[in-house]
PDB file of all heavy atoms in Angstrom:
ATOM      1  N   GLN A   1       0.835  -1.206   0.000  1.00  0.00           N
ATOM      2  CA  GLN A   1       0.000   0.000   0.000  1.00  0.00           C
ATOM      3  C   GLN A   1       0.869   1.256   0.000  1.00  0.00           C
ATOM      4  O   GLN A   1       1.817   1.364   0.771  1.00  0.00           O
ATOM      5  CB  GLN A   1      -0.906   0.000   1.226  1.00  0.00           C
ATOM      6  CG  GLN A   1      -1.740   1.260   1.400  1.00  0.00           C
ATOM      7  CD  GLN A   1      -2.579   1.214   2.664  1.00  0.00           C
ATOM      8  OE1 GLN A   1      -3.219   0.211   2.964  1.00  0.00           O
ATOM      9  NE2 GLN A   1      -2.569   2.293   3.424  1.00  0.00           N
ATOM     10  N   VAL A   2       0.525   2.187  -0.881  1.00  0.00           N
ATOM     11  CA  VAL A   2       1.131   3.517  -0.869  1.00  0.00           C
ATOM     12  C   VAL A   2       0.085   4.459  -0.306  1.00  0.00           C
ATOM     13  O   VAL A   2      -0.986   4.636  -0.889  1.00  0.00           O
ATOM     14  CB  VAL A   2       1.547   3.967  -2.285  1.00  0.00           C
ATOM     15  CG1 VAL A   2       2.080   5.404  -2.254  1.00  0.00           C
ATOM     16  CG2 VAL A   2       2.594   3.020  -2.860  1.00  0.00           C
ATOM     17  N   GLY A   3       0.365   5.046   0.852  1.00  0.00           N
ATOM     18  CA  GLY A   3      -0.613   5.880   1.540  1.00  0.00           C
ATOM     19  C   GLY A   3      -0.786   7.242   0.899  1.00  0.00           C
ATOM     20  O   GLY A   3      -0.026   7.647   0.005  1.00  0.00           O
ATOM     21  N   ALA A   4      -1.796   7.953   1.373  1.00  0.00           N
ATOM     22  CA  ALA A   4      -2.131   9.263   0.806  1.00  0.00           C
ATOM     23  C   ALA A   4      -0.955  10.228   0.866  1.00  0.00           C
ATOM     24  O   ALA A   4      -0.728  11.005  -0.065  1.00  0.00           O
ATOM     25  CB  ALA A   4      -3.330   9.848   1.557  1.00  0.00           C
ATOM     26  N   ARG A   5      -0.186  10.178   1.950  1.00  0.00           N
ATOM     27  CA  ARG A   5       0.935  11.106   2.105  1.00  0.00           C
ATOM     28  C   ARG A   5       2.063  10.810   1.118  1.00  0.00           C
ATOM     29  O   ARG A   5       2.900  11.672   0.850  1.00  0.00           O
ATOM     30  CB  ARG A   5       1.470  11.044   3.539  1.00  0.00           C
ATOM     31  CG  ARG A   5       0.491  11.525   4.602  1.00  0.00           C
ATOM     32  CD  ARG A   5       1.048  11.232   5.992  1.00  0.00           C
ATOM     33  NE  ARG A   5       0.192  11.711   7.060  1.00  0.00           N
ATOM     34  CZ  ARG A   5      -0.848  11.044   7.551  1.00  0.00           C
ATOM     35  NH1 ARG A   5      -1.169   9.864   7.027  1.00  0.00           N
ATOM     36  NH2 ARG A   5      -1.564  11.535   8.545  1.00  0.00           N
ATOM     37  N   ASN A   6       2.112   9.601   0.611  1.00  0.00           N
ATOM     38  CA  ASN A   6       3.195   9.207  -0.305  1.00  0.00           C
ATOM     39  C   ASN A   6       2.741   9.083  -1.751  1.00  0.00           C
ATOM     40  O   ASN A   6       3.496   8.607  -2.591  1.00  0.00           O
ATOM     41  CB  ASN A   6       3.808   7.879   0.147  1.00  0.00           C
ATOM     42  CG  ASN A   6       4.894   8.085   1.199  1.00  0.00           C
ATOM     43  OD1 ASN A   6       5.745   8.955   1.061  1.00  0.00           O
ATOM     44  ND2 ASN A   6       4.850   7.292   2.247  1.00  0.00           N
ATOM     45  N   MET A   7       1.519   9.524  -2.037  1.00  0.00           N
ATOM     46  CA  MET A   7       1.015   9.367  -3.402  1.00  0.00           C
ATOM     47  C   MET A   7       1.911  10.036  -4.430  1.00  0.00           C
ATOM     48  O   MET A   7       2.033   9.572  -5.569  1.00  0.00           O
ATOM     49  CB  MET A   7      -0.402   9.938  -3.509  1.00  0.00           C
ATOM     50  CG  MET A   7      -1.135   9.568  -4.798  1.00  0.00           C
ATOM     51  SD  MET A   7      -2.413  10.748  -5.298  1.00  0.00           S
ATOM     52  CE  MET A   7      -1.440  11.956  -6.212  1.00  0.00           C
ATOM     53  N   GLN A   8       2.571  11.112  -4.054  1.00  0.00           N
ATOM     54  CA  GLN A   8       3.477  11.801  -4.970  1.00  0.00           C
ATOM     55  C   GLN A   8       4.939  11.711  -4.525  1.00  0.00           C
ATOM     56  O   GLN A   8       5.752  12.572  -4.852  1.00  0.00           O
ATOM     57  CB  GLN A   8       3.048  13.252  -5.150  1.00  0.00           C
ATOM     58  CG  GLN A   8       1.740  13.386  -5.931  1.00  0.00           C
ATOM     59  CD  GLN A   8       1.368  14.817  -6.238  1.00  0.00           C
ATOM     60  OE1 GLN A   8       1.332  15.660  -5.343  1.00  0.00           O
ATOM     61  NE2 GLN A   8       1.073  15.097  -7.501  1.00  0.00           N
ATOM     62  N   ASN A   9       5.252  10.633  -3.816  1.00  0.00           N
ATOM     63  CA  ASN A   9       6.646  10.320  -3.510  1.00  0.00           C
ATOM     64  C   ASN A   9       7.194   9.586  -4.734  1.00  0.00           C
ATOM     65  O   ASN A   9       7.197   8.358  -4.809  1.00  0.00           O
ATOM     66  CB  ASN A   9       6.732   9.445  -2.259  1.00  0.00           C
ATOM     67  CG  ASN A   9       8.154   9.126  -1.848  1.00  0.00           C
ATOM     68  OD1 ASN A   9       9.093   9.240  -2.638  1.00  0.00           O
ATOM     69  ND2 ASN A   9       8.319   8.702  -0.606  1.00  0.00           N
ATOM     70  N   PHE A  10       7.642  10.331  -5.712  1.00  0.00           N
ATOM     71  CA  PHE A  10       7.920   9.764  -7.025  1.00  0.00           C
ATOM     72  C   PHE A  10       9.080   8.775  -7.025  1.00  0.00           C
ATOM     73  O   PHE A  10       9.082   7.818  -7.806  1.00  0.00           O
ATOM     74  CB  PHE A  10       8.158  10.893  -8.036  1.00  0.00           C
ATOM     75  CG  PHE A  10       6.962  11.791  -8.208  1.00  0.00           C
ATOM     76  CD1 PHE A  10       7.042  13.146  -7.972  1.00  0.00           C
ATOM     77  CD2 PHE A  10       5.730  11.264  -8.573  1.00  0.00           C
ATOM     78  CE1 PHE A  10       5.928  13.972  -8.117  1.00  0.00           C
ATOM     79  CE2 PHE A  10       4.612  12.072  -8.717  1.00  0.00           C
ATOM     80  CZ  PHE A  10       4.716  13.431  -8.485  1.00  0.00           C
ATOM     81  N   GLU A  11      10.065   8.976  -6.163  1.00  0.00           N
ATOM     82  CA  GLU A  11      11.168   8.012  -6.096  1.00  0.00           C
ATOM     83  C   GLU A  11      10.667   6.668  -5.567  1.00  0.00           C
ATOM     84  O   GLU A  11      11.099   5.608  -6.044  1.00  0.00           O
ATOM     85  CB  GLU A  11      12.295   8.558  -5.216  1.00  0.00           C
ATOM     86  CG  GLU A  11      12.993   9.781  -5.790  1.00  0.00           C
ATOM     87  CD  GLU A  11      13.525   9.539  -7.201  1.00  0.00           C
ATOM     88  OE1 GLU A  11      14.166   8.485  -7.417  1.00  0.00           O
ATOM     89  OE2 GLU A  11      13.297  10.388  -8.082  1.00  0.00           O
ATOM     90  N   LEU A  12       9.748   6.717  -4.593  1.00  0.00           N
ATOM     91  CA  LEU A  12       9.155   5.474  -4.094  1.00  0.00           C
ATOM     92  C   LEU A  12       8.338   4.811  -5.189  1.00  0.00           C
ATOM     93  O   LEU A  12       8.412   3.587  -5.399  1.00  0.00           O
ATOM     94  CB  LEU A  12       8.277   5.761  -2.875  1.00  0.00           C
ATOM     95  CG  LEU A  12       7.464   4.588  -2.317  1.00  0.00           C
ATOM     96  CD1 LEU A  12       8.372   3.456  -1.876  1.00  0.00           C
ATOM     97  CD2 LEU A  12       6.584   5.044  -1.160  1.00  0.00           C
ATOM     98  N   LEU A  13       7.540   5.582  -5.924  1.00  0.00           N
ATOM     99  CA  LEU A  13       6.715   5.034  -6.998  1.00  0.00           C
ATOM    100  C   LEU A  13       7.580   4.392  -8.082  1.00  0.00           C
ATOM    101  O   LEU A  13       7.257   3.318  -8.603  1.00  0.00           O
ATOM    102  CB  LEU A  13       5.837   6.126  -7.610  1.00  0.00           C
ATOM    103  CG  LEU A  13       4.852   6.823  -6.664  1.00  0.00           C
ATOM    104  CD1 LEU A  13       4.060   7.882  -7.414  1.00  0.00           C
ATOM    105  CD2 LEU A  13       3.912   5.824  -6.003  1.00  0.00           C
ATOM    106  N   LYS A  14       8.690   5.037  -8.429  1.00  0.00           N
ATOM    107  CA  LYS A  14       9.604   4.477  -9.433  1.00  0.00           C
ATOM    108  C   LYS A  14      10.150   3.129  -8.962  1.00  0.00           C
ATOM    109  O   LYS A  14      10.215   2.168  -9.738  1.00  0.00           O
ATOM    110  CB  LYS A  14      10.762   5.438  -9.702  1.00  0.00           C
ATOM    111  CG  LYS A  14      10.392   6.698 -10.455  1.00  0.00           C
ATOM    112  CD  LYS A  14      11.624   7.589 -10.586  1.00  0.00           C
ATOM    113  CE  LYS A  14      11.307   8.939 -11.195  1.00  0.00           C
ATOM    114  NZ  LYS A  14      12.503   9.815 -11.250  1.00  0.00           N
ATOM    115  N   ALA A  15      10.543   3.064  -7.689  1.00  0.00           N
ATOM    116  CA  ALA A  15      11.089   1.820  -7.146  1.00  0.00           C
ATOM    117  C   ALA A  15      10.042   0.717  -7.155  1.00  0.00           C
ATOM    118  O   ALA A  15      10.338  -0.441  -7.493  1.00  0.00           O
ATOM    119  CB  ALA A  15      11.608   2.057  -5.729  1.00  0.00           C
ATOM    120  N   LEU A  16       8.804   1.043  -6.812  1.00  0.00           N
ATOM    121  CA  LEU A  16       7.734   0.038  -6.812  1.00  0.00           C
ATOM    122  C   LEU A  16       7.396  -0.413  -8.227  1.00  0.00           C
ATOM    123  O   LEU A  16       6.881  -1.515  -8.429  1.00  0.00           O
ATOM    124  CB  LEU A  16       6.485   0.608  -6.120  1.00  0.00           C
ATOM    125  CG  LEU A  16       6.637   0.885  -4.622  1.00  0.00           C
ATOM    126  CD1 LEU A  16       5.392   1.576  -4.082  1.00  0.00           C
ATOM    127  CD2 LEU A  16       6.903  -0.404  -3.861  1.00  0.00           C
ATOM    128  N   GLY A  17       7.687   0.441  -9.201  1.00  0.00           N
ATOM    129  CA  GLY A  17       7.469   0.054 -10.597  1.00  0.00           C
ATOM    130  C   GLY A  17       8.343  -1.093 -11.045  1.00  0.00           C
ATOM    131  O   GLY A  17       8.027  -1.768 -12.026  1.00  0.00           O
ATOM    132  N   HIS A  18       9.424  -1.330 -10.325  1.00  0.00           N
ATOM    133  CA  HIS A  18      10.340  -2.421 -10.675  1.00  0.00           C
ATOM    134  C   HIS A  18      10.089  -3.675  -9.855  1.00  0.00           C
ATOM    135  O   HIS A  18      10.825  -4.654  -9.989  1.00  0.00           O
ATOM    136  CB  HIS A  18      11.793  -1.962 -10.508  1.00  0.00           C
ATOM    137  CG  HIS A  18      12.169  -0.813 -11.397  1.00  0.00           C
ATOM    138  ND1 HIS A  18      12.172  -0.910 -12.781  1.00  0.00           N
ATOM    139  CD2 HIS A  18      12.533   0.463 -11.106  1.00  0.00           C
ATOM    140  CE1 HIS A  18      12.536   0.247 -13.305  1.00  0.00           C
ATOM    141  NE2 HIS A  18      12.745   1.099 -12.314  1.00  0.00           N
ATOM    142  N   THR A  19       9.054  -3.651  -8.999  1.00  0.00           N
ATOM    143  CA  THR A  19       8.709  -4.849  -8.235  1.00  0.00           C
ATOM    144  C   THR A  19       7.651  -5.649  -8.982  1.00  0.00           C
ATOM    145  O   THR A  19       7.082  -5.188  -9.967  1.00  0.00           O
ATOM    146  CB  THR A  19       8.148  -4.474  -6.842  1.00  0.00           C
ATOM    147  OG1 THR A  19       6.855  -3.868  -6.998  1.00  0.00           O
ATOM    148  CG2 THR A  19       9.083  -3.519  -6.117  1.00  0.00           C
ATOM    149  N   LYS A  20       7.380  -6.847  -8.495  1.00  0.00           N
ATOM    150  CA  LYS A  20       6.340  -7.688  -9.075  1.00  0.00           C
ATOM    151  C   LYS A  20       5.151  -7.823  -8.118  1.00  0.00           C
ATOM    152  O   LYS A  20       4.375  -8.766  -8.216  1.00  0.00           O
ATOM    153  CB  LYS A  20       6.917  -9.063  -9.417  1.00  0.00           C
ATOM    154  CG  LYS A  20       7.983  -9.007 -10.510  1.00  0.00           C
ATOM    155  CD  LYS A  20       8.494 -10.396 -10.876  1.00  0.00           C
ATOM    156  CE  LYS A  20       9.537 -10.302 -11.975  1.00  0.00           C
ATOM    157  NZ  LYS A  20      10.078 -11.644 -12.346  1.00  0.00           N
ATOM    158  N   LYS A  21       5.037  -6.873  -7.210  1.00  0.00           N
ATOM    159  CA  LYS A  21       3.950  -6.873  -6.237  1.00  0.00           C
ATOM    160  C   LYS A  21       2.780  -6.038  -6.734  1.00  0.00           C
ATOM    161  O   LYS A  21       2.954  -5.043  -7.440  1.00  0.00           O
ATOM    162  CB  LYS A  21       4.436  -6.268  -4.910  1.00  0.00           C
ATOM    163  CG  LYS A  21       5.603  -6.987  -4.267  1.00  0.00           C
ATOM    164  CD  LYS A  21       5.148  -8.237  -3.548  1.00  0.00           C
ATOM    165  CE  LYS A  21       6.293  -8.831  -2.745  1.00  0.00           C
ATOM    166  NZ  LYS A  21       5.878 -10.059  -2.026  1.00  0.00           N
ATOM    167  N   THR A  22       1.566  -6.427  -6.330  1.00  0.00           N
ATOM    168  CA  THR A  22       0.413  -5.564  -6.562  1.00  0.00           C
ATOM    169  C   THR A  22       0.546  -4.335  -5.667  1.00  0.00           C
ATOM    170  O   THR A  22       0.913  -4.439  -4.497  1.00  0.00           O
ATOM    171  CB  THR A  22      -0.890  -6.307  -6.239  1.00  0.00           C
ATOM    172  OG1 THR A  22      -1.049  -7.392  -7.151  1.00  0.00           O
ATOM    173  CG2 THR A  22      -2.093  -5.378  -6.367  1.00  0.00           C
ATOM    174  N   ILE A  23       0.245  -3.166  -6.227  1.00  0.00           N
ATOM    175  CA  ILE A  23       0.342  -1.914  -5.479  1.00  0.00           C
ATOM    176  C   ILE A  23      -1.054  -1.345  -5.263  1.00  0.00           C
ATOM    177  O   ILE A  23      -1.828  -1.211  -6.208  1.00  0.00           O
ATOM    178  CB  ILE A  23       1.204  -0.871  -6.233  1.00  0.00           C
ATOM    179  CG1 ILE A  23       2.550  -1.471  -6.645  1.00  0.00           C
ATOM    180  CG2 ILE A  23       1.374   0.389  -5.376  1.00  0.00           C
ATOM    181  CD1 ILE A  23       3.406  -1.965  -5.496  1.00  0.00           C
ATOM    182  N   LEU A  24      -1.381  -1.020  -4.014  1.00  0.00           N
ATOM    183  CA  LEU A  24      -2.628  -0.343  -3.692  1.00  0.00           C
ATOM    184  C   LEU A  24      -2.280   1.127  -3.503  1.00  0.00           C
ATOM    185  O   LEU A  24      -1.617   1.500  -2.532  1.00  0.00           O
ATOM    186  CB  LEU A  24      -3.262  -0.935  -2.433  1.00  0.00           C
ATOM    187  CG  LEU A  24      -4.719  -0.546  -2.155  1.00  0.00           C
ATOM    188  CD1 LEU A  24      -5.387  -1.588  -1.262  1.00  0.00           C
ATOM    189  CD2 LEU A  24      -4.816   0.815  -1.486  1.00  0.00           C
ATOM    190  N   LEU A  25      -2.714   1.962  -4.432  1.00  0.00           N
ATOM    191  CA  LEU A  25      -2.338   3.372  -4.457  1.00  0.00           C
ATOM    192  C   LEU A  25      -3.491   4.243  -3.977  1.00  0.00           C
ATOM    193  O   LEU A  25      -4.546   4.307  -4.610  1.00  0.00           O
ATOM    194  CB  LEU A  25      -1.939   3.769  -5.881  1.00  0.00           C
ATOM    195  CG  LEU A  25      -1.515   5.224  -6.107  1.00  0.00           C
ATOM    196  CD1 LEU A  25      -0.259   5.561  -5.307  1.00  0.00           C
ATOM    197  CD2 LEU A  25      -1.283   5.468  -7.594  1.00  0.00           C
ATOM    198  N   LYS A  26      -3.279   4.922  -2.841  1.00  0.00           N
ATOM    199  CA  LYS A  26      -4.323   5.777  -2.284  1.00  0.00           C
ATOM    200  C   LYS A  26      -4.226   7.196  -2.834  1.00  0.00           C
ATOM    201  O   LYS A  26      -3.124   7.727  -3.046  1.00  0.00           O
ATOM    202  CB  LYS A  26      -4.218   5.814  -0.756  1.00  0.00           C
ATOM    203  CG  LYS A  26      -4.737   4.552  -0.074  1.00  0.00           C
ATOM    204  CD  LYS A  26      -4.938   4.800   1.410  1.00  0.00           C
ATOM    205  CE  LYS A  26      -5.803   3.726   2.037  1.00  0.00           C
ATOM    206  NZ  LYS A  26      -6.148   4.038   3.429  1.00  0.00           N
ATOM    207  N   ARG A  27      -5.386   7.800  -3.027  1.00  0.00           N
ATOM    208  CA  ARG A  27      -5.435   9.194  -3.466  1.00  0.00           C
ATOM    209  C   ARG A  27      -4.981  10.120  -2.336  1.00  0.00           C
ATOM    210  O   ARG A  27      -5.309   9.910  -1.176  1.00  0.00           O
ATOM    211  CB  ARG A  27      -6.870   9.542  -3.870  1.00  0.00           C
ATOM    212  CG  ARG A  27      -7.067  10.955  -4.404  1.00  0.00           C
ATOM    213  CD  ARG A  27      -8.537  11.186  -4.687  1.00  0.00           C
ATOM    214  NE  ARG A  27      -8.801  12.521  -5.211  1.00  0.00           N
ATOM    215  CZ  ARG A  27     -10.017  12.979  -5.476  1.00  0.00           C
ATOM    216  NH1 ARG A  27     -11.073  12.201  -5.270  1.00  0.00           N
ATOM    217  NH2 ARG A  27     -10.192  14.202  -5.949  1.00  0.00           N
ATOM    218  N   GLY A  28      -4.217  11.148  -2.688  1.00  0.00           N
ATOM    219  CA  GLY A  28      -3.737  12.094  -1.703  1.00  0.00           C
ATOM    220  C   GLY A  28      -4.840  12.966  -1.139  1.00  0.00           C
ATOM    221  O   GLY A  28      -5.940  13.059  -1.689  1.00  0.00           O
ATOM    222  N   LEU A  29      -4.539  13.635  -0.038  1.00  0.00           N
ATOM    223  CA  LEU A  29      -5.526  14.445   0.674  1.00  0.00           C
ATOM    224  C   LEU A  29      -6.092  15.576  -0.177  1.00  0.00           C
ATOM    225  O   LEU A  29      -7.241  15.981   0.002  1.00  0.00           O
ATOM    226  CB  LEU A  29      -4.888  15.057   1.922  1.00  0.00           C
ATOM    227  CG  LEU A  29      -4.480  14.097   3.046  1.00  0.00           C
ATOM    228  CD1 LEU A  29      -3.709  14.854   4.107  1.00  0.00           C
ATOM    229  CD2 LEU A  29      -5.702  13.450   3.652  1.00  0.00           C
ATOM    230  N   ALA A  30      -5.288  16.100  -1.100  1.00  0.00           N
ATOM    231  CA  ALA A  30      -5.729  17.255  -1.883  1.00  0.00           C
ATOM    232  C   ALA A  30      -5.333  17.104  -3.339  1.00  0.00           C
ATOM    233  O   ALA A  30      -4.933  18.066  -3.999  1.00  0.00           O
ATOM    234  CB  ALA A  30      -5.142  18.543  -1.298  1.00  0.00           C
ATOM    235  N   ASN A  31      -5.447  15.877  -3.851  1.00  0.00           N
ATOM    236  CA  ASN A  31      -5.027  15.602  -5.220  1.00  0.00           C
ATOM    237  C   ASN A  31      -6.207  15.341  -6.144  1.00  0.00           C
ATOM    238  O   ASN A  31      -7.218  14.773  -5.737  1.00  0.00           O
ATOM    239  CB  ASN A  31      -4.080  14.403  -5.261  1.00  0.00           C
ATOM    240  CG  ASN A  31      -2.720  14.730  -4.680  1.00  0.00           C
ATOM    241  OD1 ASN A  31      -2.401  14.325  -3.571  1.00  0.00           O
ATOM    242  ND2 ASN A  31      -1.918  15.476  -5.421  1.00  0.00           N
ATOM    243  N   THR A  32      -6.057  15.739  -7.382  1.00  0.00           N
ATOM    244  CA  THR A  32      -7.081  15.501  -8.391  1.00  0.00           C
ATOM    245  C   THR A  32      -7.008  14.052  -8.866  1.00  0.00           C
ATOM    246  O   THR A  32      -6.022  13.342  -8.627  1.00  0.00           O
ATOM    247  CB  THR A  32      -6.879  16.433  -9.594  1.00  0.00           C
ATOM    248  OG1 THR A  32      -5.638  16.091 -10.241  1.00  0.00           O
ATOM    249  CG2 THR A  32      -6.851  17.896  -9.161  1.00  0.00           C
ATOM    250  N   LEU A  33      -8.044  13.638  -9.580  1.00  0.00           N
ATOM    251  CA  LEU A  33      -8.059  12.283 -10.128  1.00  0.00           C
ATOM    252  C   LEU A  33      -6.960  12.118 -11.172  1.00  0.00           C
ATOM    253  O   LEU A  33      -6.341  11.052 -11.280  1.00  0.00           O
ATOM    254  CB  LEU A  33      -9.430  11.979 -10.741  1.00  0.00           C
ATOM    255  CG  LEU A  33     -10.617  12.021  -9.775  1.00  0.00           C
ATOM    256  CD1 LEU A  33     -11.902  11.644 -10.488  1.00  0.00           C
ATOM    257  CD2 LEU A  33     -10.395  11.116  -8.570  1.00  0.00           C
ATOM    258  N   GLU A  34      -6.715  13.161 -11.946  1.00  0.00           N
ATOM    259  CA  GLU A  34      -5.647  13.078 -12.938  1.00  0.00           C
ATOM    260  C   GLU A  34      -4.288  12.915 -12.268  1.00  0.00           C
ATOM    261  O   GLU A  34      -3.441  12.146 -12.730  1.00  0.00           O
ATOM    262  CB  GLU A  34      -5.640  14.312 -13.840  1.00  0.00           C
ATOM    263  CG  GLU A  34      -4.586  14.236 -14.938  1.00  0.00           C
ATOM    264  CD  GLU A  34      -4.705  15.345 -15.964  1.00  0.00           C
ATOM    265  OE1 GLU A  34      -5.717  15.377 -16.704  1.00  0.00           O
ATOM    266  OE2 GLU A  34      -3.796  16.193 -16.006  1.00  0.00           O
ATOM    267  N   GLU A  35      -4.079  13.613 -11.167  1.00  0.00           N
ATOM    268  CA  GLU A  35      -2.815  13.463 -10.436  1.00  0.00           C
ATOM    269  C   GLU A  35      -2.679  12.049  -9.875  1.00  0.00           C
ATOM    270  O   GLU A  35      -1.568  11.493  -9.845  1.00  0.00           O
ATOM    271  CB  GLU A  35      -2.736  14.502  -9.321  1.00  0.00           C
ATOM    272  CG  GLU A  35      -2.501  15.915  -9.827  1.00  0.00           C
ATOM    273  CD  GLU A  35      -2.672  16.981  -8.758  1.00  0.00           C
ATOM    274  OE1 GLU A  35      -3.332  16.702  -7.723  1.00  0.00           O
ATOM    275  OE2 GLU A  35      -2.166  18.093  -8.958  1.00  0.00           O
ATOM    276  N   LEU A  36      -3.777  11.469  -9.423  1.00  0.00           N
ATOM    277  CA  LEU A  36      -3.743  10.082  -8.957  1.00  0.00           C
ATOM    278  C   LEU A  36      -3.307   9.156 -10.078  1.00  0.00           C
ATOM    279  O   LEU A  36      -2.463   8.272  -9.883  1.00  0.00           O
ATOM    280  CB  LEU A  36      -5.128   9.681  -8.429  1.00  0.00           C
ATOM    281  CG  LEU A  36      -5.322   8.209  -8.058  1.00  0.00           C
ATOM    282  CD1 LEU A  36      -4.384   7.790  -6.940  1.00  0.00           C
ATOM    283  CD2 LEU A  36      -6.781   7.956  -7.650  1.00  0.00           C
ATOM    284  N   LEU A  37      -3.876   9.354 -11.270  1.00  0.00           N
ATOM    285  CA  LEU A  37      -3.515   8.496 -12.396  1.00  0.00           C
ATOM    286  C   LEU A  37      -2.083   8.739 -12.858  1.00  0.00           C
ATOM    287  O   LEU A  37      -1.418   7.815 -13.326  1.00  0.00           O
ATOM    288  CB  LEU A  37      -4.498   8.709 -13.551  1.00  0.00           C
ATOM    289  CG  LEU A  37      -5.922   8.225 -13.279  1.00  0.00           C
ATOM    290  CD1 LEU A  37      -6.807   8.455 -14.499  1.00  0.00           C
ATOM    291  CD2 LEU A  37      -5.934   6.751 -12.895  1.00  0.00           C
ATOM    292  N   MET A  38      -1.599   9.963 -12.727  1.00  0.00           N
ATOM    293  CA  MET A  38      -0.207  10.221 -13.070  1.00  0.00           C
ATOM    294  C   MET A  38       0.739   9.496 -12.106  1.00  0.00           C
ATOM    295  O   MET A  38       1.815   9.031 -12.501  1.00  0.00           O
ATOM    296  CB  MET A  38       0.073  11.724 -13.068  1.00  0.00           C
ATOM    297  CG  MET A  38      -0.561  12.471 -14.233  1.00  0.00           C
ATOM    298  SD  MET A  38      -0.095  11.797 -15.857  1.00  0.00           S
ATOM    299  CE  MET A  38       1.670  12.100 -15.856  1.00  0.00           C
ATOM    300  N   SER A  39       0.328   9.374 -10.841  1.00  0.00           N
ATOM    301  CA  SER A  39       1.128   8.603  -9.884  1.00  0.00           C
ATOM    302  C   SER A  39       1.118   7.123 -10.256  1.00  0.00           C
ATOM    303  O   SER A  39       2.150   6.445 -10.171  1.00  0.00           O
ATOM    304  CB  SER A  39       0.597   8.803  -8.459  1.00  0.00           C
ATOM    305  OG  SER A  39       0.833  10.122  -8.016  1.00  0.00           O
ATOM    306  N   ALA A  40      -0.046   6.632 -10.670  1.00  0.00           N
ATOM    307  CA  ALA A  40      -0.117   5.245 -11.153  1.00  0.00           C
ATOM    308  C   ALA A  40       0.777   5.069 -12.378  1.00  0.00           C
ATOM    309  O   ALA A  40       1.424   4.026 -12.557  1.00  0.00           O
ATOM    310  CB  ALA A  40      -1.563   4.882 -11.490  1.00  0.00           C
TER     311      ALA A  40
END
């Protein structure tokens, strides 16, 4: 799980992109839907 506070922790997201685990990505406290999809 990537919590709301880390939704835009881009270095963490990049690292998780190289794993083979399912990622549960939470929307940030003040983020748009497009920003959520950009994090995905």
